[in-house]
PDB file of N, CA and C in Angstrom:
ATOM      1  N   MET A   1      -5.308 -35.150 -37.474  1.00  0.00           N
ATOM      2  CA  MET A   1      -4.434 -35.013 -36.551  1.00  0.00           C
ATOM      3  C   MET A   1      -3.074 -34.102 -36.437  1.00  0.00           C
ATOM      4  N   VAL A   2      -3.212 -33.124 -37.352  1.00  0.00           N
ATOM      5  CA  VAL A   2      -1.663 -32.393 -37.198  1.00  0.00           C
ATOM      6  C   VAL A   2      -2.277 -31.297 -36.417  1.00  0.00           C
ATOM      7  N   GLY A   3      -3.528 -30.566 -36.859  1.00  0.00           N
ATOM      8  CA  GLY A   3      -4.211 -30.061 -36.167  1.00  0.00           C
ATOM      9  C   GLY A   3      -4.232 -29.920 -34.691  1.00  0.00           C
ATOM     10  N   SER A   4      -4.500 -31.090 -34.097  1.00  0.00           N
ATOM     11  CA  SER A   4      -4.591 -31.770 -32.368  1.00  0.00           C
ATOM     12  C   SER A   4      -2.903 -31.521 -31.881  1.00  0.00           C
ATOM     13  N   LYS A   5      -2.098 -31.575 -32.626  1.00  0.00           N
ATOM     14  CA  LYS A   5      -0.901 -31.497 -32.117  1.00  0.00           C
ATOM     15  C   LYS A   5      -0.559 -30.388 -31.844  1.00  0.00           C
ATOM     16  N   ASP A   6      -1.128 -29.513 -33.022  1.00  0.00           N
ATOM     17  CA  ASP A   6      -0.396 -27.950 -32.897  1.00  0.00           C
ATOM     18  C   ASP A   6      -1.510 -27.448 -31.675  1.00  0.00           C
ATOM     19  N   GLY A   7      -2.627 -27.958 -31.943  1.00  0.00           N
ATOM     20  CA  GLY A   7      -3.496 -27.105 -30.587  1.00  0.00           C
ATOM     21  C   GLY A   7      -2.918 -27.521 -29.187  1.00  0.00           C
ATOM     22  N   ALA A   8      -2.426 -28.788 -29.162  1.00  0.00           N
ATOM     23  CA  ALA A   8      -2.176 -29.330 -27.960  1.00  0.00           C
ATOM     24  C   ALA A   8      -0.653 -28.084 -27.184  1.00  0.00           C
ATOM     25  N   ARG A   9       0.241 -28.035 -28.605  1.00  0.00           N
ATOM     26  CA  ARG A   9       0.995 -27.198 -28.599  1.00  0.00           C
ATOM     27  C   ARG A   9       0.957 -25.582 -28.009  1.00  0.00           C
ATOM     28  N   TRP A  10      -0.091 -25.574 -28.635  1.00  0.00           N
ATOM     29  CA  TRP A  10      -0.415 -24.113 -27.910  1.00  0.00           C
ATOM     30  C   TRP A  10      -0.981 -23.680 -26.616  1.00  0.00           C
ATOM     31  N   CYS A  11      -1.903 -24.872 -27.048  1.00  0.00           N
ATOM     32  CA  CYS A  11      -2.385 -24.953 -24.962  1.00  0.00           C
ATOM     33  C   CYS A  11      -1.249 -25.294 -23.961  1.00  0.00           C
ATOM     34  N   ALA A  12      -0.264 -26.073 -24.777  1.00  0.00           N
ATOM     35  CA  ALA A  12       0.952 -26.004 -23.531  1.00  0.00           C
ATOM     36  C   ALA A  12       1.797 -24.665 -23.335  1.00  0.00           C
ATOM     37  N   SER A  13       1.683 -24.012 -24.626  1.00  0.00           N
ATOM     38  CA  SER A  13       2.591 -22.611 -24.624  1.00  0.00           C
ATOM     39  C   SER A  13       1.565 -21.467 -24.175  1.00  0.00           C
ATOM     40  N   ALA A  14       0.277 -21.824 -23.889  1.00  0.00           N
ATOM     41  CA  ALA A  14      -0.863 -20.726 -23.568  1.00  0.00           C
ATOM     42  C   ALA A  14      -0.629 -20.880 -22.099  1.00  0.00           C
ATOM     43  N   SER A  15      -0.518 -22.109 -21.680  1.00  0.00           N
ATOM     44  CA  SER A  15      -0.417 -22.438 -20.267  1.00  0.00           C
ATOM     45  C   SER A  15       0.402 -21.831 -19.480  1.00  0.00           C
ATOM     46  N   LYS A  16       1.803 -22.101 -20.408  1.00  0.00           N
ATOM     47  CA  LYS A  16       3.157 -21.796 -19.357  1.00  0.00           C
ATOM     48  C   LYS A  16       3.320 -20.140 -19.271  1.00  0.00           C
ATOM     49  N   LEU A  17       2.527 -19.618 -20.651  1.00  0.00           N
ATOM     50  CA  LEU A  17       2.770 -18.111 -20.824  1.00  0.00           C
ATOM     51  C   LEU A  17       1.725 -17.523 -19.665  1.00  0.00           C
ATOM     52  N   THR A  18       0.710 -18.133 -19.365  1.00  0.00           N
ATOM     53  CA  THR A  18      -0.298 -17.567 -18.411  1.00  0.00           C
ATOM     54  C   THR A  18       0.284 -17.990 -17.023  1.00  0.00           C
ATOM     55  N   TYR A  19       0.553 -19.302 -16.969  1.00  0.00           N
ATOM     56  CA  TYR A  19       1.633 -19.426 -15.507  1.00  0.00           C
ATOM     57  C   TYR A  19       2.723 -18.494 -15.205  1.00  0.00           C
ATOM     58  N   GLU A  20       3.770 -17.901 -16.228  1.00  0.00           N
ATOM     59  CA  GLU A  20       4.532 -17.619 -15.897  1.00  0.00           C
ATOM     60  C   GLU A  20       3.907 -15.896 -15.626  1.00  0.00           C
ATOM     61  N   PHE A  21       3.386 -15.333 -16.569  1.00  0.00           N
ATOM     62  CA  PHE A  21       2.169 -14.140 -16.483  1.00  0.00           C
ATOM     63  C   PHE A  21       2.216 -13.887 -15.122  1.00  0.00           C
ATOM     64  N   THR A  22       1.285 -14.903 -14.638  1.00  0.00           N
ATOM     65  CA  THR A  22       0.757 -14.659 -13.484  1.00  0.00           C
ATOM     66  C   THR A  22       1.621 -14.605 -12.694  1.00  0.00           C
ATOM     67  N   ASP A  23       2.800 -15.871 -12.168  1.00  0.00           N
ATOM     68  CA  ASP A  23       3.872 -15.957 -11.695  1.00  0.00           C
ATOM     69  C   ASP A  23       4.291 -14.526 -11.682  1.00  0.00           C
ATOM     70  N   GLU A  24       5.013 -13.787 -12.757  1.00  0.00           N
ATOM     71  CA  GLU A  24       5.514 -12.855 -12.487  1.00  0.00           C
ATOM     72  C   GLU A  24       4.863 -11.470 -11.876  1.00  0.00           C
ATOM     73  N   PHE A  25       3.899 -11.350 -12.655  1.00  0.00           N
ATOM     74  CA  PHE A  25       2.817 -10.436 -12.372  1.00  0.00           C
ATOM     75  C   PHE A  25       2.740 -10.137 -10.869  1.00  0.00           C
ATOM     76  N   THR A  26       1.564 -10.952 -10.335  1.00  0.00           N
ATOM     77  CA  THR A  26       1.712 -11.367  -8.857  1.00  0.00           C
ATOM     78  C   THR A  26       2.611 -11.270  -8.139  1.00  0.00           C
ATOM     79  N   ASP A  27       3.908 -11.832  -8.621  1.00  0.00           N
ATOM     80  CA  ASP A  27       5.063 -11.346  -7.262  1.00  0.00           C
ATOM     81  C   ASP A  27       5.418  -9.757  -7.361  1.00  0.00           C
ATOM     82  N   GLU A  28       5.736  -9.693  -8.597  1.00  0.00           N
ATOM     83  CA  GLU A  28       5.763  -8.284  -8.945  1.00  0.00           C
ATOM     84  C   GLU A  28       4.965  -7.108  -8.350  1.00  0.00           C
ATOM     85  N   PHE A  29       3.999  -7.270  -8.852  1.00  0.00           N
ATOM     86  CA  PHE A  29       2.521  -6.467  -8.396  1.00  0.00           C
ATOM     87  C   PHE A  29       2.998  -6.580  -6.931  1.00  0.00           C
ATOM     88  N   THR A  30       2.769  -7.541  -6.115  1.00  0.00           N
ATOM     89  CA  THR A  30       2.606  -7.968  -4.734  1.00  0.00           C
ATOM     90  C   THR A  30       3.808  -7.313  -3.879  1.00  0.00           C
ATOM     91  N   ASP A  31       4.964  -7.396  -4.656  1.00  0.00           N
ATOM     92  CA  ASP A  31       5.870  -7.309  -3.722  1.00  0.00           C
ATOM     93  C   ASP A  31       5.715  -5.350  -4.348  1.00  0.00           C
ATOM     94  N   GLU A  32       5.757  -4.848  -5.387  1.00  0.00           N
ATOM     95  CA  GLU A  32       6.279  -3.544  -5.407  1.00  0.00           C
ATOM     96  C   GLU A  32       5.036  -2.594  -4.917  1.00  0.00           C
ATOM     97  N   PHE A  33       3.627  -3.043  -5.181  1.00  0.00           N
ATOM     98  CA  PHE A  33       2.707  -2.612  -4.133  1.00  0.00           C
ATOM     99  C   PHE A  33       2.595  -2.402  -2.643  1.00  0.00           C
ATOM    100  N   THR A  34       2.816  -3.596  -2.123  1.00  0.00           N
ATOM    101  CA  THR A  34       3.367  -3.717  -1.087  1.00  0.00           C
ATOM    102  C   THR A  34       4.482  -3.189  -0.302  1.00  0.00           C
ATOM    103  N   ASP A  35       5.447  -2.925  -0.987  1.00  0.00           N
ATOM    104  CA  ASP A  35       6.293  -2.073  -0.260  1.00  0.00           C
ATOM    105  C   ASP A  35       6.226  -0.771  -0.639  1.00  0.00           C
ATOM    106  N   GLU A  36       5.883  -0.412  -1.708  1.00  0.00           N
ATOM    107  CA  GLU A  36       4.901   0.986  -2.101  1.00  0.00           C
ATOM    108  C   GLU A  36       4.231   1.769  -0.946  1.00  0.00           C
ATOM    109  N   PHE A  37       2.971   1.095  -1.302  1.00  0.00           N
ATOM    110  CA  PHE A  37       1.758   1.462  -0.342  1.00  0.00           C
ATOM    111  C   PHE A  37       2.093   1.307   0.779  1.00  0.00           C
ATOM    112  N   THR A  38       3.096   0.287   1.698  1.00  0.00           N
ATOM    113  CA  THR A  38       2.991   0.399   3.154  1.00  0.00           C
ATOM    114  C   THR A  38       3.805   1.237   3.467  1.00  0.00           C
ATOM    115  N   ASP A  39       5.357   1.557   2.587  1.00  0.00           N
ATOM    116  CA  ASP A  39       5.934   2.666   3.031  1.00  0.00           C
ATOM    117  C   ASP A  39       5.269   3.763   2.884  1.00  0.00           C
ATOM    118  N   GLU A  40       4.799   3.875   1.713  1.00  0.00           N
ATOM    119  CA  GLU A  40       4.333   5.295   1.520  1.00  0.00           C
ATOM    120  C   GLU A  40       2.934   5.538   2.531  1.00  0.00           C
ATOM    121  N   PHE A  41       2.272   4.744   2.654  1.00  0.00           N
ATOM    122  CA  PHE A  41       0.632   4.659   3.615  1.00  0.00           C
ATOM    123  C   PHE A  41       1.779   5.012   5.237  1.00  0.00           C
ATOM    124  N   THR A  42       2.252   4.272   5.473  1.00  0.00           N
ATOM    125  CA  THR A  42       2.952   4.365   6.867  1.00  0.00           C
ATOM    126  C   THR A  42       3.884   5.816   6.746  1.00  0.00           C
ATOM    127  N   ASP A  43       4.944   6.059   5.780  1.00  0.00           N
ATOM    128  CA  ASP A  43       5.507   7.249   6.236  1.00  0.00           C
ATOM    129  C   ASP A  43       4.202   8.708   6.359  1.00  0.00           C
ATOM    130  N   GLU A  44       3.735   8.500   5.543  1.00  0.00           N
ATOM    131  CA  GLU A  44       2.718   9.272   5.395  1.00  0.00           C
ATOM    132  C   GLU A  44       1.586   9.176   6.594  1.00  0.00           C
ATOM    133  N   PHE A  45       1.283   8.450   7.130  1.00  0.00           N
ATOM    134  CA  PHE A  45       0.104   8.112   8.105  1.00  0.00           C
ATOM    135  C   PHE A  45       0.538   8.661   9.408  1.00  0.00           C
ATOM    136  N   THR A  46       1.811   7.546   9.423  1.00  0.00           N
ATOM    137  CA  THR A  46       2.760   7.755  10.721  1.00  0.00           C
ATOM    138  C   THR A  46       3.154   9.488  10.983  1.00  0.00           C
ATOM    139  N   TYR A  47       3.704   9.533  10.184  1.00  0.00           N
ATOM    140  CA  TYR A  47       4.501  10.961  10.665  1.00  0.00           C
ATOM    141  C   TYR A  47       2.932  12.075  10.333  1.00  0.00           C
ATOM    142  N   GLU A  48       2.748  12.568   9.437  1.00  0.00           N
ATOM    143  CA  GLU A  48       1.500  13.018   9.227  1.00  0.00           C
ATOM    144  C   GLU A  48       0.561  13.585   9.767  1.00  0.00           C
ATOM    145  N   PHE A  49      -0.165  12.172  10.322  1.00  0.00           N
ATOM    146  CA  PHE A  49      -1.113  12.333  11.032  1.00  0.00           C
ATOM    147  C   PHE A  49      -0.929  12.371  12.333  1.00  0.00           C
ATOM    148  N   THR A  50       0.509  11.678  13.198  1.00  0.00           N
ATOM    149  CA  THR A  50       0.871  11.869  14.177  1.00  0.00           C
ATOM    150  C   THR A  50       1.306  13.560  14.437  1.00  0.00           C
ATOM    151  N   ASP A  51       2.424  14.108  13.378  1.00  0.00           N
ATOM    152  CA  ASP A  51       2.555  15.386  14.010  1.00  0.00           C
ATOM    153  C   ASP A  51       1.301  15.960  13.875  1.00  0.00           C
ATOM    154  N   GLU A  52       0.801  15.827  13.241  1.00  0.00           N
ATOM    155  CA  GLU A  52      -0.880  17.182  13.095  1.00  0.00           C
ATOM    156  C   GLU A  52      -1.337  16.813  14.246  1.00  0.00           C
ATOM    157  N   PHE A  53      -1.947  15.874  14.538  1.00  0.00           N
ATOM    158  CA  PHE A  53      -2.472  15.495  15.841  1.00  0.00           C
ATOM    159  C   PHE A  53      -1.567  15.800  16.859  1.00  0.00           C
ATOM    160  N   THR A  54      -0.417  15.628  16.936  1.00  0.00           N
ATOM    161  CA  THR A  54       0.181  16.044  18.597  1.00  0.00           C
ATOM    162  C   THR A  54       0.409  17.127  18.512  1.00  0.00           C
ATOM    163  N   ASP A  55       0.743  17.967  17.148  1.00  0.00           N
ATOM    164  CA  ASP A  55       0.893  19.578  17.367  1.00  0.00           C
ATOM    165  C   ASP A  55      -0.414  19.829  17.174  1.00  0.00           C
ATOM    166  N   GLU A  56      -1.560  19.892  17.133  1.00  0.00           N
ATOM    167  CA  GLU A  56      -2.611  20.518  17.283  1.00  0.00           C
ATOM    168  C   GLU A  56      -3.275  20.294  18.826  1.00  0.00           C
ATOM    169  N   PHE A  57      -3.210  18.384  18.794  1.00  0.00           N
ATOM    170  CA  PHE A  57      -3.646  18.215  20.083  1.00  0.00           C
ATOM    171  C   PHE A  57      -2.959  19.259  21.406  1.00  0.00           C
ATOM    172  N   THR A  58      -1.595  19.550  21.268  1.00  0.00           N
ATOM    173  CA  THR A  58      -0.676  19.851  22.248  1.00  0.00           C
ATOM    174  C   THR A  58      -1.138  21.583  22.184  1.00  0.00           C
ATOM    175  N   ASP A  59      -1.164  22.161  21.321  1.00  0.00           N
ATOM    176  CA  ASP A  59      -1.402  23.122  21.220  1.00  0.00           C
ATOM    177  C   ASP A  59      -2.842  23.531  21.743  1.00  0.00           C
ATOM    178  N   GLU A  60      -3.772  22.902  21.366  1.00  0.00           N
ATOM    179  CA  GLU A  60      -5.194  22.980  21.926  1.00  0.00           C
ATOM    180  C   GLU A  60      -5.133  22.750  23.310  1.00  0.00           C
ATOM    181  N   PHE A  61      -4.562  21.596  24.147  1.00  0.00           N
ATOM    182  CA  PHE A  61      -4.511  21.368  24.738  1.00  0.00           C
ATOM    183  C   PHE A  61      -3.858  22.361  26.069  1.00  0.00           C
ATOM    184  N   THR A  62      -2.553  22.318  25.208  1.00  0.00           N
ATOM    185  CA  THR A  62      -1.691  23.471  26.254  1.00  0.00           C
ATOM    186  C   THR A  62      -2.491  24.667  26.105  1.00  0.00           C
ATOM    187  N   ASP A  63      -2.900  25.582  25.569  1.00  0.00           N
ATOM    188  CA  ASP A  63      -3.946  26.688  25.530  1.00  0.00           C
ATOM    189  C   ASP A  63      -4.801  26.467  26.197  1.00  0.00           C
ATOM    190  N   GLU A  64      -5.655  25.787  26.159  1.00  0.00           N
ATOM    191  CA  GLU A  64      -6.726  25.280  27.408  1.00  0.00           C
ATOM    192  C   GLU A  64      -6.379  25.294  28.500  1.00  0.00           C
ATOM    193  N   SER A  65      -5.347  24.614  28.849  1.00  0.00           N
ATOM    194  CA  SER A  65      -5.021  24.426  30.095  1.00  0.00           C
ATOM    195  C   SER A  65      -4.163  25.429  30.808  1.00  0.00           C
ATOM    196  N   ILE A  66      -3.700  26.388  30.145  1.00  0.00           N
ATOM    197  CA  ILE A  66      -3.116  27.634  30.665  1.00  0.00           C
ATOM    198  C   ILE A  66      -3.777  28.735  31.028  1.00  0.00           C
ATOM    199  N   LEU A  67      -4.934  28.952  30.067  1.00  0.00           N
ATOM    200  CA  LEU A  67      -6.080  29.613  30.251  1.00  0.00           C
ATOM    201  C   LEU A  67      -6.719  29.812  31.871  1.00  0.00           C
ATOM    202  N   LEU A  68      -6.367  30.592  32.416  1.00  0.00           N
ATOM    203  CA  LEU A  68      -6.676  31.346  33.836  1.00  0.00           C
ATOM    204  C   LEU A  68      -8.071  31.887  33.699  1.00  0.00           C
ATOM    205  N   PRO A  69      -8.564  32.279  34.815  1.00  0.00           N
ATOM    206  CA  PRO A  69      -9.696  32.801  34.728  1.00  0.00           C
ATOM    207  C   PRO A  69      -9.380  34.563  35.143  1.00  0.00           C
ATOM    208  N   GLU A  70     -10.023  35.238  34.818  1.00  0.00           N
ATOM    209  CA  GLU A  70      -9.687  36.601  34.626  1.00  0.00           C
ATOM    210  C   GLU A  70      -9.584  37.079  35.867  1.00  0.00           C
ATOM    211  N   SER A  71     -10.414  36.674  36.883  1.00  0.00           N
ATOM    212  CA  SER A  71     -10.620  36.986  38.140  1.00  0.00           C
ATOM    213  C   SER A  71      -9.238  36.329  39.014  1.00  0.00           C
ATOM    214  N   VAL A  72      -8.362  35.890  38.509  1.00  0.00           N
ATOM    215  CA  VAL A  72      -7.022  35.432  39.384  1.00  0.00           C
ATOM    216  C   VAL A  72      -6.177  35.992  38.962  1.00  0.00           C
TER     217      VAL A  72
END
């Protein structure tokens, strides 16, 4: 009987710890991952890709469209 009370307490403690860990870890991980990944990805993708694409496209398009035939 004593063993079953200890087992029940241990199970209750383990369940509580598991719940707390899961809840805290999930919340923290989700918040941190979401914030960091979203900010980092958005910044990098938006600025780097947009700037690079815009610069390259603009340069190439401008260079191509300005070129005149040599006979002109």
